[in-house]
Amino acid sequence: MTLDDRLVNAAVIGAAGKMGSGIALLLAHEMYLLKRKPEYADAHFRLNLIDTSEAGLEGLLQYLKAQFIKKAEKSTILLRDIYADRDDLVENAEIIDAYVDDVMSILRLGTDMNMASQSSLIFEAIVENIDIKIDLYKKLNAIAPKNAYFFTNTSSVPIQLLNSGAGLGGRIIGFHFYNPPAVQRLAELIPAKETLADLKEMSMEIGARLRKKIFLSSDVAGFIGNGHFLRDALYAIEKVRRLEASYGYTGALYTVNKASQDLLLRPMGIFQLMDYVGVDVMYFISKIMDRYIDGEDLSSELIDTMYDAKVLGGQRSDGSQKDGFLKYEKNRPVGIYDLSAKEYTLFSDSDWAKKLDEKFGACPKSWSPWKVLLSDPARDDKLKAYFRELCEMETPGAKIALDYLKRSKEIGRQLVDDGVAASDDDVNGVLMNGFYHLYGPINDYC
């Protein structure tokens, strides 16, 4: 079967979650475009959106409709061409309504797994738990067409475990969308040893149609993205523990988060990023990587403690940030969670944060915000000049940042040396495209 034939009936499992809803949005639009082709005029397109939460599905329907309206409003010229044969559509509002009605007509929402029984293209975006995933794939394998292809959005589970555990015969591949799928341009593609060649080729075609930049990873737990991110986070946690004696826990966490954002020129600090991903997600990734990668301790007592305390971060359905390691107001950090007191210490409480900023030291004179550098055509030259200056500084903040930079590079090199990534460029590409870093971890800045 061609990809077009498979797209006539597709499914997303875990569709009401943030990742599943984004995947659903992308697939629905692609299926709509295919439906408009003359050769598929009589085909009955179905995108089966399946989730265990009925409330979540109700929210999903509202989310998708709102997103389709936004997309149509931005694409009226294109839609006029698509609906050129519709003389009854004159005003932009009529064309927008026609698009929304047509794309929504493809959707079928429900909690019954049997909805996927006719789907030959199935995307899975459920909890990062191996046993739950294997159980799901066993059920899908029993009801789906025997030639169905499976795409797992796992960010850490080895694909071969899912393939062998559910007896899929190579009909599964890792297709790791980055959050949020509708916006992020990166996707990691992870074939297992037995993944069918046709499925690999089709995955590349899907990536191209969905306008994703694909990076291949070996089937090693965590892959490239989380292989670097988890180790990066564990280093930050270790650094907090080393600084705790002189800074206190909240002060150490504040300082390491500040160094990783301000001086390393990242879009957010490492603990803010962990909150964005979700402490619970970090917990599952850590458990999986620690279990399936030999020779390294990839566990974290701090992540375990936060998980047990249910201080989990993550995002609400409207995109606002939940409290985790940090407390947020309007998605901006305003405090640090104090483990001993089990409450947040606000930056505005007395002048402790101000004193830490003074101890931290000034940024290099050539410093510019991440957002400014992101679109600067002279970015590379400015980064080189900036890091030359940073490398000569002796402030506490600079020393912490430079140690961090060194460790980040070591992690990147390890991924290449271990064969997880094929090259330095692949590691750098994943971090720059998936995490929006201005530069890759494998660099010659210092």
Protein backbone atom coordinates (compact mmCIF):
# COMPACT_ATOMS: atom_id res chain seq x y z
CA MET A 1 0.00 0.00 0.00
CA THR A 2 1.12 3.52 -0.73
CA LEU A 3 1.11 6.22 1.92
CA ASP A 4 -1.88 7.84 0.22
CA ASP A 5 -3.82 4.59 0.45
CA ARG A 6 -2.96 4.23 4.13
CA LEU A 7 -4.03 7.80 4.87
CA VAL A 8 -7.60 6.99 3.87
CA ASN A 9 -8.08 5.39 7.29
CA ALA A 10 -5.66 6.31 10.09
CA ALA A 11 -5.78 6.43 13.88
CA VAL A 12 -4.17 8.25 16.78
CA ILE A 13 -4.14 6.49 20.16
CA GLY A 14 -3.84 8.88 23.10
CA ALA A 15 -5.32 11.58 20.92
CA ALA A 16 -6.53 13.82 23.75
CA GLY A 17 -3.05 14.38 25.16
CA LYS A 18 -0.85 17.28 24.13
CA MET A 19 1.27 15.17 21.79
CA GLY A 20 -1.65 13.17 20.42
CA SER A 21 -3.72 16.27 19.72
CA GLY A 22 -0.87 17.85 17.78
CA ILE A 23 -0.34 14.70 15.73
CA ALA A 24 -4.08 14.58 15.04
CA LEU A 25 -4.02 18.18 13.81
CA LEU A 26 -1.20 17.48 11.37
CA LEU A 27 -2.70 14.25 10.04
CA ALA A 28 -6.20 15.68 9.63
CA HIS A 29 -4.97 18.48 7.38
CA GLU A 30 -2.85 16.10 5.29
CA MET A 31 -5.82 13.75 4.89
CA TYR A 32 -8.03 16.70 3.92
CA LEU A 33 -5.60 17.66 1.13
CA LEU A 34 -5.57 14.09 -0.12
CA LYS A 35 -9.36 13.91 -0.02
CA ARG A 36 -9.53 16.87 -2.43
CA LYS A 37 -7.63 14.95 -5.13
CA PRO A 38 -9.91 13.65 -7.92
CA GLU A 39 -8.66 10.07 -7.60
CA TYR A 40 -9.81 9.99 -3.95
CA ALA A 41 -13.13 11.77 -4.46
CA ASP A 42 -15.12 8.63 -3.63
CA ALA A 43 -12.91 7.44 -0.76
CA HIS A 44 -14.29 7.52 2.80
CA PHE A 45 -11.57 9.19 4.85
CA ARG A 46 -11.49 8.50 8.56
CA LEU A 47 -9.10 9.76 11.22
CA ASN A 48 -9.98 7.79 14.34
CA LEU A 49 -9.02 9.75 17.46
CA ILE A 50 -9.03 7.40 20.42
CA ASP A 51 -8.46 8.15 24.09
CA THR A 52 -9.54 6.75 27.45
CA SER A 53 -10.82 10.15 28.61
CA GLU A 54 -14.21 11.27 27.30
CA ALA A 55 -13.67 14.70 28.85
CA GLY A 56 -10.31 14.87 27.09
CA LEU A 57 -11.94 14.03 23.77
CA GLU A 58 -14.48 16.82 24.22
CA GLY A 59 -11.62 19.22 24.77
CA LEU A 60 -9.80 17.76 21.77
CA LEU A 61 -12.75 18.46 19.49
CA GLN A 62 -12.86 22.09 20.60
CA TYR A 63 -9.08 22.42 20.23
CA LEU A 64 -9.03 21.00 16.71
CA LYS A 65 -11.89 23.15 15.50
CA ALA A 66 -10.22 26.29 16.87
CA GLN A 67 -6.92 25.35 15.24
CA PHE A 68 -8.56 24.61 11.89
CA ILE A 69 -10.24 28.02 11.95
CA LYS A 70 -6.90 29.73 12.65
CA LYS A 71 -5.21 27.77 9.91
CA ALA A 72 -7.94 28.66 7.41
CA GLU A 73 -7.82 32.34 8.31
CA LYS A 74 -4.12 32.36 7.49
CA SER A 75 -4.56 30.39 4.24
CA THR A 76 -7.50 31.99 2.47
CA ILE A 77 -5.57 32.48 -0.78
CA LEU A 78 -4.59 28.80 -0.89
CA LEU A 79 -8.12 27.73 0.04
CA ARG A 80 -9.59 29.85 -2.77
CA ASP A 81 -7.51 27.80 -5.21
CA ILE A 82 -8.61 24.55 -3.57
CA TYR A 83 -12.28 25.55 -3.74
CA ALA A 84 -12.06 27.13 -7.20
CA ASP A 85 -14.79 24.76 -8.40
CA ARG A 86 -17.23 25.96 -5.72
CA ASP A 87 -19.17 28.90 -7.22
CA ASP A 88 -21.26 29.09 -4.05
CA LEU A 89 -18.25 30.14 -1.96
CA VAL A 90 -17.68 33.86 -2.40
CA GLU A 91 -16.72 35.45 0.89
CA ASN A 92 -13.63 34.44 2.87
CA ALA A 93 -15.86 33.44 5.77
CA GLU A 94 -17.68 30.98 3.52
CA ILE A 95 -14.42 29.43 2.35
CA ILE A 96 -13.17 29.16 5.92
CA ASP A 97 -16.39 27.46 6.99
CA ALA A 98 -16.16 25.03 4.07
CA TYR A 99 -12.61 24.05 5.00
CA VAL A 100 -13.48 23.58 8.67
CA ASP A 101 -16.55 21.50 7.83
CA ASP A 102 -14.62 19.33 5.36
CA VAL A 103 -11.67 18.65 7.61
CA MET A 104 -13.86 18.06 10.68
CA SER A 105 -15.93 15.54 8.70
CA ILE A 106 -12.88 13.27 8.57
CA LEU A 107 -12.70 12.96 12.36
CA ARG A 108 -14.16 10.19 14.47
CA LEU A 109 -13.65 10.45 18.25
CA GLY A 110 -14.18 7.76 20.86
CA THR A 111 -12.84 5.55 23.62
CA ASP A 112 -13.28 2.21 21.82
CA MET A 113 -10.01 0.73 20.57
CA ASN A 114 -11.94 -1.17 17.90
CA MET A 115 -12.30 2.12 16.03
CA ALA A 116 -8.78 1.39 14.73
CA SER A 117 -9.77 -1.99 13.29
CA GLN A 118 -9.70 -0.66 9.72
CA SER A 119 -6.73 1.68 10.14
CA SER A 120 -3.54 0.75 8.33
CA LEU A 121 -1.64 3.75 9.73
CA ILE A 122 -1.69 4.02 13.53
CA PHE A 123 0.09 6.62 15.66
CA GLU A 124 0.49 6.03 19.39
CA ALA A 125 1.11 8.83 21.92
CA ILE A 126 0.30 7.35 25.33
CA VAL A 127 2.12 7.30 28.66
CA GLU A 128 5.86 6.55 28.64
CA ASN A 129 5.48 3.11 30.24
CA ILE A 130 6.83 0.00 28.52
CA ASP A 131 4.33 -2.50 29.94
CA ILE A 132 1.33 -0.29 29.10
CA LYS A 133 2.62 0.30 25.57
CA ILE A 134 3.23 -3.40 24.92
CA ASP A 135 -0.23 -4.28 26.21
CA LEU A 136 -1.72 -1.65 23.88
CA TYR A 137 0.19 -2.95 20.85
CA LYS A 138 -0.89 -6.51 21.56
CA LYS A 139 -4.52 -5.35 21.46
CA LEU A 140 -3.96 -3.32 18.31
CA ASN A 141 -2.16 -6.18 16.61
CA ALA A 142 -5.16 -8.41 17.26
CA ILE A 143 -7.74 -6.05 15.74
CA ALA A 144 -5.91 -3.94 13.13
CA PRO A 145 -5.25 -5.03 9.54
CA LYS A 146 -2.34 -7.46 9.29
CA ASN A 147 -0.43 -4.96 7.17
CA ALA A 148 -0.97 -2.04 9.57
CA TYR A 149 2.03 0.16 10.29
CA PHE A 150 2.59 1.53 13.80
CA PHE A 151 4.29 4.80 14.73
CA THR A 152 5.18 5.26 18.38
CA ASN A 153 5.81 8.76 19.70
CA THR A 154 7.93 7.39 22.55
CA SER A 155 10.81 9.62 23.54
CA SER A 156 12.82 6.94 25.33
CA VAL A 157 11.49 3.36 25.03
CA PRO A 158 13.62 1.13 22.75
CA ILE A 159 11.53 0.28 19.69
CA GLN A 160 12.79 -3.29 19.55
CA LEU A 161 11.21 -3.96 22.95
CA LEU A 162 7.80 -2.92 21.65
CA ASN A 163 8.26 -4.85 18.42
CA SER A 164 9.26 -8.12 20.09
CA GLY A 165 6.97 -7.68 23.10
CA ALA A 166 3.84 -7.33 20.95
CA GLY A 167 4.95 -9.55 18.05
CA LEU A 168 4.66 -6.82 15.41
CA GLY A 169 7.09 -8.36 12.94
CA GLY A 170 8.93 -5.14 12.17
CA ARG A 171 5.77 -3.10 11.50
CA ILE A 172 6.66 -0.45 14.08
CA ILE A 173 8.99 2.53 14.06
CA GLY A 174 9.80 5.32 16.48
CA PHE A 175 8.49 8.65 15.20
CA HIS A 176 9.27 11.08 18.00
CA PHE A 177 7.49 14.38 17.44
CA TYR A 178 8.74 17.23 19.57
CA ASN A 179 6.41 19.31 21.72
CA PRO A 180 4.21 20.86 20.42
CA PRO A 181 3.99 18.67 17.29
CA ALA A 182 2.07 21.23 15.24
CA VAL A 183 4.83 23.83 15.71
CA GLN A 184 8.09 21.97 16.31
CA ARG A 185 9.96 21.31 13.09
CA LEU A 186 12.00 18.38 14.42
CA ALA A 187 11.11 14.69 14.50
CA GLU A 188 13.43 11.86 15.49
CA LEU A 189 13.06 8.69 13.45
CA ILE A 190 14.08 5.50 15.25
CA PRO A 191 13.91 2.22 13.34
CA ALA A 192 14.33 -1.02 15.26
CA LYS A 193 16.64 -3.72 13.96
CA GLU A 194 13.66 -5.53 12.39
CA THR A 195 11.70 -2.49 11.17
CA LEU A 196 10.60 -3.09 7.59
CA ALA A 197 12.44 -1.16 4.88
CA ASP A 198 9.13 0.01 3.38
CA LEU A 199 8.09 1.46 6.73
CA LYS A 200 11.38 3.36 7.02
CA GLU A 201 10.89 4.87 3.57
CA MET A 202 7.26 5.73 4.29
CA SER A 203 8.27 7.41 7.54
CA MET A 204 10.62 9.70 5.67
CA GLU A 205 7.79 10.55 3.28
CA ILE A 206 5.46 11.33 6.18
CA GLY A 207 8.11 13.58 7.67
CA ALA A 208 8.43 15.48 4.40
CA ARG A 209 4.66 15.90 4.00
CA LEU A 210 4.29 17.15 7.55
CA ARG A 211 7.18 19.53 6.94
CA LYS A 212 9.39 17.99 9.59
CA LYS A 213 13.17 17.93 9.67
CA ILE A 214 14.02 14.29 10.29
CA PHE A 215 17.03 13.10 12.27
CA LEU A 216 17.79 9.38 12.47
CA SER A 217 18.69 7.86 15.82
CA SER A 218 19.87 4.38 16.73
CA ASP A 219 17.45 2.34 18.82
CA VAL A 220 19.07 3.11 22.19
CA ALA A 221 16.89 4.19 25.13
CA GLY A 222 16.44 7.97 25.15
CA PHE A 223 17.64 8.28 21.54
CA ILE A 224 19.51 11.51 20.69
CA GLY A 225 17.23 14.18 22.16
CA ASN A 226 16.52 12.73 25.58
CA GLY A 227 19.88 10.98 25.57
CA HIS A 228 21.39 14.45 25.83
CA PHE A 229 18.59 16.16 27.77
CA LEU A 230 18.39 13.67 30.64
CA ARG A 231 22.16 13.62 31.15
CA ASP A 232 22.18 17.42 30.92
CA ALA A 233 19.48 17.57 33.59
CA LEU A 234 21.26 15.05 35.82
CA TYR A 235 24.42 17.15 35.63
CA ALA A 236 22.41 20.22 36.70
CA ILE A 237 20.97 18.28 39.64
CA GLU A 238 24.45 17.09 40.64
CA LYS A 239 25.72 20.69 40.39
CA VAL A 240 22.92 21.86 42.70
CA ARG A 241 23.94 19.27 45.26
CA ARG A 242 27.59 20.40 45.10
CA LEU A 243 26.62 24.06 45.51
CA GLU A 244 24.04 23.43 48.21
CA ALA A 245 26.47 23.77 51.11
CA SER A 246 27.37 27.34 50.20
CA TYR A 247 24.18 28.48 48.42
CA GLY A 248 21.44 26.48 50.12
CA TYR A 249 19.17 24.24 48.04
CA THR A 250 16.88 26.94 46.65
CA GLY A 251 19.84 29.26 46.05
CA ALA A 252 21.81 26.55 44.25
CA LEU A 253 18.88 25.62 42.03
CA TYR A 254 18.23 29.29 41.25
CA THR A 255 21.88 29.82 40.32
CA VAL A 256 22.25 26.73 38.11
CA ASN A 257 19.00 27.52 36.33
CA LYS A 258 20.18 31.09 35.75
CA ALA A 259 23.60 30.01 34.46
CA SER A 260 22.11 27.48 32.04
CA GLN A 261 19.74 30.09 30.60
CA ASP A 262 21.44 33.47 30.78
CA LEU A 263 25.09 32.57 30.22
CA LEU A 264 24.58 29.56 27.95
CA LEU A 265 22.07 31.58 25.91
CA ARG A 266 19.27 29.03 26.03
CA PRO A 267 15.53 29.77 25.68
CA MET A 268 14.93 28.63 29.26
CA GLY A 269 16.94 27.38 32.22
CA ILE A 270 17.42 23.65 32.69
CA PHE A 271 14.97 23.36 35.61
CA GLN A 272 12.42 25.45 33.76
CA LEU A 273 12.83 23.08 30.81
CA MET A 274 12.31 20.09 33.11
CA ASP A 275 9.08 21.69 34.30
CA TYR A 276 8.02 22.31 30.70
CA VAL A 277 8.61 18.66 29.79
CA GLY A 278 7.04 17.54 33.07
CA VAL A 279 8.73 16.06 36.11
CA ASP A 280 6.59 12.95 35.69
CA VAL A 281 7.84 12.54 32.12
CA MET A 282 11.41 13.04 33.36
CA TYR A 283 10.76 10.35 35.97
CA PHE A 284 9.66 7.80 33.35
CA ILE A 285 12.50 8.67 30.97
CA SER A 286 15.02 8.29 33.78
CA LYS A 287 13.65 4.90 34.81
CA ILE A 288 13.71 3.59 31.24
CA MET A 289 17.19 4.84 30.38
CA ASP A 290 18.64 3.69 33.70
CA ARG A 291 17.17 0.22 33.11
CA TYR A 292 18.25 -0.24 29.52
CA ILE A 293 21.62 1.54 29.35
CA ASP A 294 24.49 -0.26 31.03
CA GLY A 295 27.46 1.33 32.75
CA GLU A 296 25.79 4.61 33.82
CA ASP A 297 23.71 5.70 36.76
CA LEU A 298 20.86 7.57 35.07
CA SER A 299 18.59 7.71 38.09
CA SER A 300 17.86 10.78 40.20
CA GLU A 301 16.81 10.88 43.83
CA LEU A 302 15.63 14.46 43.38
CA ILE A 303 13.37 13.63 40.43
CA ASP A 304 12.01 10.65 42.38
CA THR A 305 11.29 12.89 45.39
CA MET A 306 9.51 15.51 43.27
CA TYR A 307 7.51 12.77 41.54
CA ASP A 308 6.44 11.22 44.87
CA ALA A 309 5.46 14.67 46.17
CA LYS A 310 3.35 15.17 43.01
CA VAL A 311 5.14 18.43 42.18
CA LEU A 312 5.14 17.63 38.49
CA GLY A 313 5.16 20.71 36.30
CA GLY A 314 3.82 20.15 32.78
CA GLN A 315 1.28 22.31 30.98
CA ARG A 316 -2.42 22.89 31.22
CA SER A 317 -4.67 22.50 28.19
CA ASP A 318 -4.46 26.24 27.51
CA GLY A 319 -0.66 26.08 27.32
CA SER A 320 0.01 27.70 30.69
CA GLN A 321 2.83 26.26 32.77
CA LYS A 322 2.12 24.27 35.93
CA ASP A 323 4.34 24.68 38.98
CA GLY A 324 7.24 22.24 39.35
CA PHE A 325 10.80 22.96 40.40
CA LEU A 326 9.80 26.58 39.89
CA LYS A 327 6.58 28.46 40.52
CA TYR A 328 5.08 30.37 37.59
CA GLU A 329 2.94 33.43 37.05
CA LYS A 330 1.95 34.13 33.44
CA ASN A 331 4.45 31.41 32.45
CA ARG A 332 7.36 33.27 34.06
CA PRO A 333 9.32 31.82 37.02
CA VAL A 334 8.63 33.62 40.30
CA GLY A 335 9.90 31.16 42.90
CA ILE A 336 11.69 27.89 43.76
CA TYR A 337 10.11 24.84 45.41
CA ASP A 338 11.71 24.28 48.82
CA LEU A 339 11.84 20.53 49.42
CA SER A 340 12.23 20.80 53.19
CA ALA A 341 9.47 23.36 53.69
CA LYS A 342 7.30 21.83 50.93
CA GLU A 343 6.36 25.27 49.67
CA TYR A 344 7.66 27.84 47.22
CA THR A 345 10.22 30.46 48.13
CA LEU A 346 9.36 33.47 45.99
CA PHE A 347 12.01 35.60 44.34
CA SER A 348 10.24 38.59 45.89
CA ASP A 349 10.66 37.24 49.45
CA SER A 350 13.21 39.59 51.09
CA ASP A 351 16.24 40.14 48.85
CA TRP A 352 17.74 36.65 48.59
CA ALA A 353 17.44 36.45 44.81
CA LYS A 354 19.00 39.90 44.40
CA LYS A 355 21.96 38.88 46.56
CA LEU A 356 22.44 35.73 44.47
CA ASP A 357 22.39 37.81 41.29
CA GLU A 358 25.14 40.01 42.72
CA LYS A 359 27.19 36.95 43.71
CA PHE A 360 26.59 35.40 40.30
CA GLY A 361 28.26 38.31 38.52
CA ALA A 362 27.55 40.26 35.36
CA CYS A 363 27.08 38.81 31.89
CA PRO A 364 29.79 39.45 29.28
CA LYS A 365 29.53 42.88 27.66
CA SER A 366 28.78 41.21 24.30
CA TRP A 367 25.78 39.37 25.76
CA SER A 368 22.48 39.49 23.87
CA PRO A 369 19.20 37.74 24.76
CA TRP A 370 18.50 34.36 23.20
CA LYS A 371 15.46 35.71 21.36
CA VAL A 372 17.50 38.48 19.73
CA LEU A 373 20.30 36.15 18.62
CA LEU A 374 17.84 33.57 17.29
CA SER A 375 17.03 35.71 14.26
CA ASP A 376 20.38 37.53 13.96
CA PRO A 377 22.06 36.79 10.59
CA ALA A 378 25.45 37.40 12.24
CA ARG A 379 24.67 34.97 15.06
CA ASP A 380 27.64 32.63 14.58
CA ASP A 381 30.20 35.42 14.71
CA LYS A 382 28.51 36.97 17.72
CA LEU A 383 28.43 33.63 19.53
CA LYS A 384 32.16 33.13 18.99
CA ALA A 385 32.92 36.60 20.31
CA TYR A 386 30.59 36.10 23.26
CA PHE A 387 32.12 32.80 24.35
CA ARG A 388 35.66 34.15 23.96
CA GLU A 389 34.70 36.80 26.46
CA LEU A 390 32.89 34.36 28.77
CA CYS A 391 35.89 31.99 28.81
CA GLU A 392 38.08 34.78 30.20
CA MET A 393 35.72 35.65 33.06
CA GLU A 394 36.28 34.49 36.64
CA THR A 395 32.87 35.23 38.16
CA PRO A 396 31.03 32.42 39.99
CA GLY A 397 28.33 32.46 37.31
CA ALA A 398 30.84 32.18 34.47
CA LYS A 399 32.63 29.24 36.14
CA ILE A 400 29.34 27.37 36.60
CA ALA A 401 28.32 28.06 32.99
CA LEU A 402 31.68 27.00 31.54
CA ASP A 403 31.66 23.75 33.53
CA TYR A 404 28.15 23.18 32.21
CA LEU A 405 29.25 23.90 28.64
CA LYS A 406 32.09 21.40 28.97
CA ARG A 407 29.80 18.67 30.33
CA SER A 408 27.21 19.31 27.60
CA LYS A 409 29.91 18.77 24.99
CA GLU A 410 31.03 15.53 26.67
CA ILE A 411 27.46 14.24 26.57
CA GLY A 412 27.18 15.05 22.88
CA ARG A 413 30.45 13.29 22.12
CA GLN A 414 29.30 10.26 24.10
CA LEU A 415 26.18 9.93 21.95
CA VAL A 416 28.33 9.83 18.82
CA ASP A 417 30.96 7.51 20.31
CA ASP A 418 28.23 5.11 21.50
CA GLY A 419 26.64 5.08 18.04
CA VAL A 420 23.35 6.63 19.15
CA ALA A 421 23.94 9.48 16.70
CA ALA A 422 25.79 9.03 13.42
CA SER A 423 27.64 12.34 13.62
CA ASP A 424 28.30 15.53 15.56
CA ASP A 425 25.95 17.29 13.14
CA ASP A 426 23.09 14.98 14.11
CA VAL A 427 23.53 15.73 17.82
CA ASN A 428 23.83 19.45 17.17
CA GLY A 429 20.87 19.36 14.79
CA VAL A 430 18.54 17.71 17.30
CA LEU A 431 19.43 20.16 20.07
CA MET A 432 19.19 23.20 17.80
CA ASN A 433 15.94 22.18 16.08
CA GLY A 434 14.21 20.30 18.88
CA PHE A 435 15.30 22.36 21.88
CA TYR A 436 15.84 25.67 20.04
CA HIS A 437 19.44 26.00 21.20
CA LEU A 438 21.41 28.64 19.34
CA TYR A 439 24.34 26.27 18.90
CA GLY A 440 25.01 22.56 19.23
CA PRO A 441 26.66 21.03 22.29
CA ILE A 442 29.61 19.80 20.21
CA ASN A 443 31.38 23.06 19.49
CA ASP A 444 34.76 24.75 19.77
CA TYR A 445 33.69 27.82 21.70
CA CYS A 446 35.85 27.10 24.76
